[in-house]
């Protein structure tokens, strides 16, 4: 949560963040941390039944997609394509496999591996466009 909050505080807008893990692995918790870093005041829940939800942070919109329950993205694919890359918006996507073709090459991918009930291992992949977003203290060489 703390790492996600720090990343959220560094976001400038236009970023797409893909969250990958098994069911119950911590994707929504990570999204909550991002939202907190963005200054979102209301509680962030998984949009697995509503598919997407929008929150307003202190200076950016935060749109959270969860495609877990979809076999086909349908109209949600168009909604996603309309918000990707907007300079005033951060997009977080859980279960992005069915919309992978829409995601930009310059996305941030956070893979969360469950180590134990209270411990997770994070792997964060990003390109140089986002090197100032990930706090240096979390980077390994």
N, C-alpha and C. Protein backbone atom coordinates (compact mmCIF):
# COMPACT_ATOMS: atom_id res chain seq x y z
N UNK A 1 0.83 -1.19 0.00
CA UNK A 1 0.00 0.00 0.00
C UNK A 1 0.87 1.26 0.00
N UNK A 2 1.92 1.26 0.82
CA UNK A 2 2.81 2.42 0.91
C UNK A 2 3.53 2.68 -0.42
N UNK A 3 4.01 1.62 -1.04
CA UNK A 3 4.69 1.78 -2.33
C UNK A 3 3.72 2.35 -3.36
N UNK A 4 2.52 1.81 -3.41
CA UNK A 4 1.51 2.28 -4.36
C UNK A 4 1.16 3.74 -4.11
N UNK A 5 1.04 4.13 -2.85
CA UNK A 5 0.74 5.51 -2.51
C UNK A 5 1.85 6.46 -2.98
N UNK A 6 3.09 6.05 -2.81
CA UNK A 6 4.21 6.88 -3.26
C UNK A 6 4.22 6.99 -4.79
N UNK A 7 3.93 5.89 -5.47
CA UNK A 7 3.85 5.95 -6.93
C UNK A 7 2.71 6.87 -7.34
N UNK A 8 1.56 6.73 -6.70
CA UNK A 8 0.41 7.59 -7.00
C UNK A 8 0.72 9.05 -6.85
N UNK A 9 1.48 9.40 -5.84
CA UNK A 9 1.84 10.80 -5.60
C UNK A 9 2.75 11.35 -6.71
N UNK A 10 3.45 10.46 -7.43
CA UNK A 10 4.36 10.87 -8.50
C UNK A 10 3.72 10.92 -9.88
N UNK A 11 2.49 10.45 -10.00
CA UNK A 11 1.85 10.39 -11.32
C UNK A 11 1.51 11.79 -11.81
N UNK A 12 1.65 11.98 -13.12
CA UNK A 12 1.44 13.30 -13.73
C UNK A 12 0.17 13.36 -14.58
N UNK A 13 -0.38 12.20 -14.94
CA UNK A 13 -1.55 12.13 -15.82
C UNK A 13 -1.16 11.50 -17.14
N UNK A 14 -2.05 10.72 -17.70
CA UNK A 14 -1.79 10.02 -18.95
C UNK A 14 -1.24 8.62 -18.76
N UNK A 15 -0.94 8.24 -17.53
CA UNK A 15 -0.36 6.92 -17.28
C UNK A 15 -1.43 5.82 -17.33
N UNK A 16 -1.00 4.65 -17.79
CA UNK A 16 -1.81 3.45 -17.75
C UNK A 16 -1.04 2.45 -16.91
N UNK A 17 -1.72 1.91 -15.90
CA UNK A 17 -1.09 0.95 -14.99
C UNK A 17 -1.88 -0.35 -15.06
N UNK A 18 -1.20 -1.41 -15.42
CA UNK A 18 -1.81 -2.74 -15.48
C UNK A 18 -1.42 -3.49 -14.22
N UNK A 19 -2.41 -4.03 -13.52
CA UNK A 19 -2.17 -4.80 -12.30
C UNK A 19 -2.40 -6.27 -12.59
N UNK A 20 -1.41 -7.09 -12.27
CA UNK A 20 -1.46 -8.52 -12.57
C UNK A 20 -1.22 -9.30 -11.28
N UNK A 21 -2.11 -10.22 -10.98
CA UNK A 21 -1.91 -11.19 -9.90
C UNK A 21 -3.05 -12.18 -9.94
N UNK A 22 -2.94 -13.19 -9.12
CA UNK A 22 -4.02 -14.15 -8.99
C UNK A 22 -5.18 -13.49 -8.26
N UNK A 23 -6.32 -14.14 -8.27
CA UNK A 23 -7.48 -13.67 -7.54
C UNK A 23 -7.12 -13.52 -6.06
N UNK A 24 -7.42 -12.37 -5.49
CA UNK A 24 -7.10 -12.11 -4.09
C UNK A 24 -5.65 -11.76 -3.84
N UNK A 25 -4.90 -11.46 -4.88
CA UNK A 25 -3.47 -11.21 -4.74
C UNK A 25 -3.09 -9.82 -4.27
N UNK A 26 -4.02 -8.87 -4.34
CA UNK A 26 -3.71 -7.53 -3.85
C UNK A 26 -3.83 -6.43 -4.89
N UNK A 27 -4.42 -6.72 -6.03
CA UNK A 27 -4.55 -5.70 -7.08
C UNK A 27 -5.38 -4.51 -6.61
N UNK A 28 -6.51 -4.77 -6.01
CA UNK A 28 -7.36 -3.67 -5.55
C UNK A 28 -6.69 -2.90 -4.42
N UNK A 29 -5.99 -3.57 -3.55
CA UNK A 29 -5.26 -2.87 -2.48
C UNK A 29 -4.21 -1.95 -3.09
N UNK A 30 -3.52 -2.41 -4.12
CA UNK A 30 -2.54 -1.57 -4.79
C UNK A 30 -3.23 -0.37 -5.43
N UNK A 31 -4.38 -0.59 -6.06
CA UNK A 31 -5.15 0.51 -6.65
C UNK A 31 -5.58 1.51 -5.58
N UNK A 32 -5.92 1.02 -4.40
CA UNK A 32 -6.29 1.92 -3.29
C UNK A 32 -5.12 2.80 -2.89
N UNK A 33 -3.92 2.23 -2.88
CA UNK A 33 -2.73 3.01 -2.56
C UNK A 33 -2.46 4.08 -3.61
N UNK A 34 -2.59 3.73 -4.89
CA UNK A 34 -2.43 4.71 -5.97
C UNK A 34 -3.43 5.84 -5.77
N UNK A 35 -4.68 5.47 -5.51
CA UNK A 35 -5.74 6.47 -5.32
C UNK A 35 -5.42 7.39 -4.15
N UNK A 36 -4.94 6.84 -3.08
CA UNK A 36 -4.58 7.66 -1.92
C UNK A 36 -3.47 8.65 -2.29
N UNK A 37 -2.48 8.17 -3.03
CA UNK A 37 -1.39 9.04 -3.48
C UNK A 37 -1.87 10.15 -4.40
N UNK A 38 -2.95 9.89 -5.13
CA UNK A 38 -3.54 10.89 -6.03
C UNK A 38 -4.45 11.86 -5.29
N UNK A 39 -4.71 11.60 -4.01
CA UNK A 39 -5.58 12.48 -3.24
C UNK A 39 -7.06 12.14 -3.33
N UNK A 40 -7.38 10.91 -3.76
CA UNK A 40 -8.78 10.47 -3.79
C UNK A 40 -9.23 10.31 -2.34
N UNK A 41 -10.35 10.94 -2.01
CA UNK A 41 -10.84 10.93 -0.62
C UNK A 41 -11.78 9.76 -0.33
N UNK A 42 -12.63 9.37 -1.30
CA UNK A 42 -13.59 8.30 -1.03
C UNK A 42 -12.91 6.94 -1.07
N UNK A 43 -13.58 5.95 -0.49
CA UNK A 43 -13.06 4.59 -0.47
C UNK A 43 -13.07 4.01 -1.88
N UNK A 44 -11.99 3.37 -2.27
CA UNK A 44 -11.87 2.73 -3.57
C UNK A 44 -12.13 1.24 -3.39
N UNK A 45 -13.09 0.72 -4.17
CA UNK A 45 -13.43 -0.70 -4.15
C UNK A 45 -13.17 -1.28 -5.52
N UNK A 46 -13.06 -2.59 -5.58
CA UNK A 46 -12.89 -3.25 -6.88
C UNK A 46 -14.15 -3.06 -7.70
N UNK A 47 -14.00 -2.61 -8.95
CA UNK A 47 -15.17 -2.46 -9.80
C UNK A 47 -15.52 -3.74 -10.56
N UNK A 48 -15.34 -4.92 -9.93
CA UNK A 48 -15.54 -6.16 -10.66
C UNK A 48 -16.98 -6.38 -11.09
N UNK A 49 -17.95 -5.77 -10.44
CA UNK A 49 -19.34 -5.91 -10.88
C UNK A 49 -19.77 -4.74 -11.75
N UNK A 50 -19.18 -3.57 -11.54
CA UNK A 50 -19.54 -2.40 -12.35
C UNK A 50 -18.58 -2.20 -13.51
N UNK A 51 -17.50 -2.93 -13.56
CA UNK A 51 -16.46 -2.93 -14.59
C UNK A 51 -15.54 -1.71 -14.51
N UNK A 52 -16.10 -0.53 -14.29
CA UNK A 52 -15.24 0.65 -14.16
C UNK A 52 -15.85 1.63 -13.18
N UNK A 53 -14.98 2.42 -12.59
CA UNK A 53 -15.42 3.47 -11.68
C UNK A 53 -14.42 4.62 -11.79
N UNK A 54 -14.94 5.83 -11.69
CA UNK A 54 -14.10 7.02 -11.78
C UNK A 54 -14.08 7.72 -10.44
N UNK A 55 -12.90 8.17 -10.05
CA UNK A 55 -12.72 8.94 -8.82
C UNK A 55 -11.97 10.22 -9.18
N UNK A 56 -12.18 11.25 -8.40
CA UNK A 56 -11.43 12.49 -8.59
C UNK A 56 -10.42 12.62 -7.48
N UNK A 57 -9.16 12.81 -7.89
CA UNK A 57 -8.10 13.06 -6.93
C UNK A 57 -7.92 14.56 -6.77
N UNK A 58 -6.86 14.95 -6.13
CA UNK A 58 -6.62 16.38 -5.89
C UNK A 58 -6.31 17.13 -7.18
N UNK A 59 -5.73 16.44 -8.19
CA UNK A 59 -5.41 17.12 -9.44
C UNK A 59 -5.59 16.25 -10.69
N UNK A 60 -5.98 15.00 -10.51
CA UNK A 60 -6.16 14.08 -11.64
C UNK A 60 -7.39 13.20 -11.43
N UNK A 61 -7.96 12.75 -12.55
CA UNK A 61 -8.99 11.73 -12.49
C UNK A 61 -8.32 10.37 -12.37
N UNK A 62 -8.97 9.46 -11.69
CA UNK A 62 -8.49 8.11 -11.49
C UNK A 62 -9.61 7.18 -11.98
N UNK A 63 -9.35 6.47 -13.07
CA UNK A 63 -10.36 5.55 -13.59
C UNK A 63 -9.83 4.13 -13.44
N UNK A 64 -10.63 3.32 -12.75
CA UNK A 64 -10.25 1.97 -12.36
C UNK A 64 -11.14 0.98 -13.12
N UNK A 65 -10.51 0.13 -13.93
CA UNK A 65 -11.22 -0.89 -14.69
C UNK A 65 -10.90 -2.27 -14.12
N UNK A 66 -11.88 -3.15 -14.12
CA UNK A 66 -11.68 -4.54 -13.71
C UNK A 66 -12.45 -5.41 -14.71
N UNK A 67 -11.73 -6.13 -15.55
CA UNK A 67 -12.34 -6.94 -16.59
C UNK A 67 -12.47 -8.42 -16.22
N UNK A 68 -12.38 -8.73 -14.93
CA UNK A 68 -12.40 -10.12 -14.48
C UNK A 68 -13.64 -10.88 -14.95
N UNK A 69 -14.79 -10.28 -14.88
CA UNK A 69 -16.05 -10.97 -15.18
C UNK A 69 -16.43 -10.94 -16.66
N UNK A 70 -15.62 -10.34 -17.49
CA UNK A 70 -15.97 -10.23 -18.91
C UNK A 70 -15.27 -11.31 -19.74
N UNK A 71 -16.02 -11.89 -20.63
CA UNK A 71 -15.45 -12.81 -21.61
C UNK A 71 -15.10 -12.05 -22.88
N UNK A 72 -15.81 -10.95 -23.11
CA UNK A 72 -15.64 -10.10 -24.29
C UNK A 72 -15.78 -8.66 -23.80
N UNK A 73 -14.85 -7.76 -24.15
CA UNK A 73 -14.90 -6.40 -23.61
C UNK A 73 -16.06 -5.56 -24.12
N UNK A 74 -16.56 -5.85 -25.31
CA UNK A 74 -17.71 -5.10 -25.84
C UNK A 74 -17.50 -3.60 -25.78
N UNK A 75 -18.51 -2.89 -25.32
CA UNK A 75 -18.47 -1.42 -25.29
C UNK A 75 -17.41 -0.89 -24.32
N UNK A 76 -17.01 -1.70 -23.35
CA UNK A 76 -15.99 -1.26 -22.40
C UNK A 76 -14.65 -1.03 -23.10
N UNK A 77 -14.43 -1.73 -24.19
CA UNK A 77 -13.20 -1.53 -24.95
C UNK A 77 -13.15 -0.10 -25.51
N UNK A 78 -14.30 0.37 -25.99
CA UNK A 78 -14.36 1.74 -26.51
C UNK A 78 -14.20 2.75 -25.37
N UNK A 79 -14.85 2.50 -24.24
CA UNK A 79 -14.71 3.41 -23.10
C UNK A 79 -13.25 3.51 -22.67
N UNK A 80 -12.58 2.37 -22.60
CA UNK A 80 -11.16 2.37 -22.23
C UNK A 80 -10.33 3.14 -23.24
N UNK A 81 -10.57 2.91 -24.53
CA UNK A 81 -9.78 3.59 -25.55
C UNK A 81 -9.96 5.11 -25.51
N UNK A 82 -11.11 5.57 -25.05
CA UNK A 82 -11.38 7.01 -24.97
C UNK A 82 -10.63 7.69 -23.83
N UNK A 83 -10.28 6.94 -22.78
CA UNK A 83 -9.62 7.57 -21.64
C UNK A 83 -8.11 7.35 -21.60
N UNK A 84 -7.63 6.33 -22.33
CA UNK A 84 -6.18 6.07 -22.35
C UNK A 84 -5.46 7.28 -22.94
N UNK A 85 -4.45 7.74 -22.24
CA UNK A 85 -3.62 8.84 -22.73
C UNK A 85 -4.14 10.24 -22.44
N UNK A 86 -5.30 10.36 -21.79
CA UNK A 86 -5.77 11.69 -21.44
C UNK A 86 -4.86 12.27 -20.35
N UNK A 87 -4.41 13.49 -20.57
CA UNK A 87 -3.42 14.10 -19.68
C UNK A 87 -3.92 14.37 -18.27
N UNK A 88 -5.24 14.37 -18.06
CA UNK A 88 -5.78 14.62 -16.73
C UNK A 88 -6.24 13.35 -16.05
N UNK A 89 -5.83 12.19 -16.58
CA UNK A 89 -6.37 10.92 -16.12
C UNK A 89 -5.28 9.87 -15.91
N UNK A 90 -5.43 9.11 -14.83
CA UNK A 90 -4.63 7.92 -14.58
C UNK A 90 -5.57 6.73 -14.72
N UNK A 91 -5.18 5.74 -15.52
CA UNK A 91 -6.01 4.56 -15.76
C UNK A 91 -5.34 3.36 -15.13
N UNK A 92 -6.11 2.63 -14.29
CA UNK A 92 -5.62 1.38 -13.71
C UNK A 92 -6.52 0.27 -14.21
N UNK A 93 -5.90 -0.83 -14.63
CA UNK A 93 -6.66 -1.94 -15.20
C UNK A 93 -6.27 -3.25 -14.51
N UNK A 94 -7.29 -3.92 -13.99
CA UNK A 94 -7.12 -5.28 -13.47
C UNK A 94 -7.66 -6.25 -14.52
N UNK A 95 -7.01 -7.40 -14.67
CA UNK A 95 -7.44 -8.43 -15.62
C UNK A 95 -7.50 -7.87 -17.03
N UNK A 96 -6.41 -7.32 -17.50
CA UNK A 96 -6.35 -6.59 -18.77
C UNK A 96 -6.16 -7.48 -20.00
N UNK A 97 -6.12 -8.78 -19.83
CA UNK A 97 -5.83 -9.68 -20.96
C UNK A 97 -6.73 -9.43 -22.17
N UNK A 98 -8.02 -9.18 -21.96
CA UNK A 98 -8.94 -9.06 -23.09
C UNK A 98 -8.86 -7.70 -23.79
N UNK A 99 -8.10 -6.77 -23.22
CA UNK A 99 -7.92 -5.46 -23.86
C UNK A 99 -6.45 -5.15 -24.10
N UNK A 100 -5.61 -6.16 -24.04
CA UNK A 100 -4.16 -6.00 -24.17
C UNK A 100 -3.79 -5.23 -25.44
N UNK A 101 -4.54 -5.43 -26.52
CA UNK A 101 -4.23 -4.77 -27.78
C UNK A 101 -4.44 -3.25 -27.73
N UNK A 102 -5.18 -2.77 -26.74
CA UNK A 102 -5.41 -1.33 -26.58
C UNK A 102 -4.35 -0.65 -25.73
N UNK A 103 -3.66 -1.41 -24.93
CA UNK A 103 -2.74 -0.82 -23.96
C UNK A 103 -1.50 -0.28 -24.65
N UNK A 104 -1.06 0.90 -24.24
CA UNK A 104 0.14 1.47 -24.87
C UNK A 104 1.39 0.72 -24.45
N UNK A 105 2.41 0.79 -25.29
CA UNK A 105 3.70 0.17 -24.95
C UNK A 105 4.30 0.81 -23.70
N UNK A 106 3.97 2.07 -23.47
CA UNK A 106 4.57 2.80 -22.35
C UNK A 106 3.76 2.67 -21.06
N UNK A 107 3.08 1.55 -20.88
CA UNK A 107 2.33 1.34 -19.64
C UNK A 107 3.26 0.89 -18.52
N UNK A 108 2.75 0.98 -17.32
CA UNK A 108 3.43 0.43 -16.14
C UNK A 108 2.72 -0.87 -15.81
N UNK A 109 3.46 -1.96 -15.67
CA UNK A 109 2.86 -3.24 -15.30
C UNK A 109 3.38 -3.63 -13.93
N UNK A 110 2.43 -3.82 -13.00
CA UNK A 110 2.77 -4.24 -11.64
C UNK A 110 2.27 -5.67 -11.47
N UNK A 111 3.21 -6.60 -11.28
CA UNK A 111 2.86 -7.99 -11.03
C UNK A 111 3.04 -8.25 -9.54
N UNK A 112 1.98 -8.76 -8.95
CA UNK A 112 1.97 -9.00 -7.50
C UNK A 112 1.94 -10.51 -7.26
N UNK A 113 2.93 -10.99 -6.54
CA UNK A 113 3.00 -12.42 -6.21
C UNK A 113 2.77 -12.59 -4.72
N UNK A 114 1.86 -13.47 -4.38
CA UNK A 114 1.55 -13.74 -2.97
C UNK A 114 2.66 -14.61 -2.38
N UNK A 115 3.29 -14.11 -1.32
CA UNK A 115 4.32 -14.87 -0.60
C UNK A 115 3.69 -15.56 0.61
N UNK A 116 2.89 -14.80 1.34
CA UNK A 116 2.14 -15.33 2.49
C UNK A 116 0.89 -14.47 2.65
N UNK A 117 0.12 -14.75 3.66
CA UNK A 117 -1.13 -14.00 3.87
C UNK A 117 -0.90 -12.49 3.95
N UNK A 118 0.19 -12.07 4.55
CA UNK A 118 0.46 -10.65 4.73
C UNK A 118 1.69 -10.15 3.98
N UNK A 119 2.19 -10.93 3.04
CA UNK A 119 3.41 -10.54 2.34
C UNK A 119 3.24 -10.73 0.83
N UNK A 120 3.67 -9.71 0.08
CA UNK A 120 3.60 -9.74 -1.38
C UNK A 120 4.95 -9.36 -1.95
N UNK A 121 5.26 -9.91 -3.10
CA UNK A 121 6.45 -9.53 -3.86
C UNK A 121 5.96 -8.77 -5.09
N UNK A 122 6.53 -7.61 -5.35
CA UNK A 122 6.14 -6.79 -6.49
C UNK A 122 7.22 -6.82 -7.56
N UNK A 123 6.78 -6.90 -8.80
CA UNK A 123 7.66 -6.70 -9.94
C UNK A 123 7.02 -5.57 -10.75
N UNK A 124 7.77 -4.50 -10.94
CA UNK A 124 7.24 -3.34 -11.64
C UNK A 124 8.04 -3.15 -12.92
N UNK A 125 7.33 -3.24 -14.06
CA UNK A 125 7.97 -3.05 -15.36
C UNK A 125 7.46 -1.74 -15.95
N UNK A 126 8.39 -0.97 -16.48
CA UNK A 126 8.04 0.32 -17.07
C UNK A 126 9.16 0.71 -18.02
N UNK A 127 8.89 1.66 -18.90
CA UNK A 127 9.96 2.14 -19.77
C UNK A 127 10.47 3.48 -19.24
N UNK A 128 11.43 4.04 -19.92
CA UNK A 128 12.09 5.26 -19.42
C UNK A 128 11.15 6.44 -19.28
N UNK A 129 9.99 6.41 -19.96
CA UNK A 129 9.02 7.50 -19.81
C UNK A 129 8.58 7.65 -18.35
N UNK A 130 8.65 6.56 -17.61
CA UNK A 130 8.12 6.55 -16.24
C UNK A 130 9.19 6.39 -15.17
N UNK A 131 10.44 6.56 -15.53
CA UNK A 131 11.50 6.30 -14.55
C UNK A 131 11.45 7.21 -13.34
N UNK A 132 10.84 8.38 -13.43
CA UNK A 132 10.74 9.28 -12.28
C UNK A 132 9.51 9.01 -11.42
N UNK A 133 8.68 8.07 -11.83
CA UNK A 133 7.47 7.76 -11.08
C UNK A 133 7.73 6.73 -9.98
N UNK A 134 8.60 5.77 -10.27
CA UNK A 134 8.90 4.72 -9.30
C UNK A 134 9.98 5.24 -8.35
N UNK A 135 9.67 5.36 -7.06
CA UNK A 135 10.69 5.85 -6.12
C UNK A 135 11.96 5.01 -6.16
N UNK A 136 13.09 5.66 -6.28
CA UNK A 136 14.39 5.00 -6.43
C UNK A 136 14.68 3.98 -5.32
N UNK A 137 14.18 4.24 -4.13
CA UNK A 137 14.48 3.34 -3.01
C UNK A 137 13.88 1.94 -3.21
N UNK A 138 12.95 1.80 -4.16
CA UNK A 138 12.34 0.51 -4.43
C UNK A 138 12.97 -0.22 -5.61
N UNK A 139 13.90 0.41 -6.28
CA UNK A 139 14.53 -0.18 -7.44
C UNK A 139 15.72 -1.03 -7.02
N UNK A 140 15.88 -2.15 -7.70
CA UNK A 140 17.04 -3.00 -7.46
C UNK A 140 17.85 -3.06 -8.75
N UNK A 141 19.12 -3.30 -8.63
CA UNK A 141 19.96 -3.36 -9.84
C UNK A 141 20.26 -4.78 -10.20
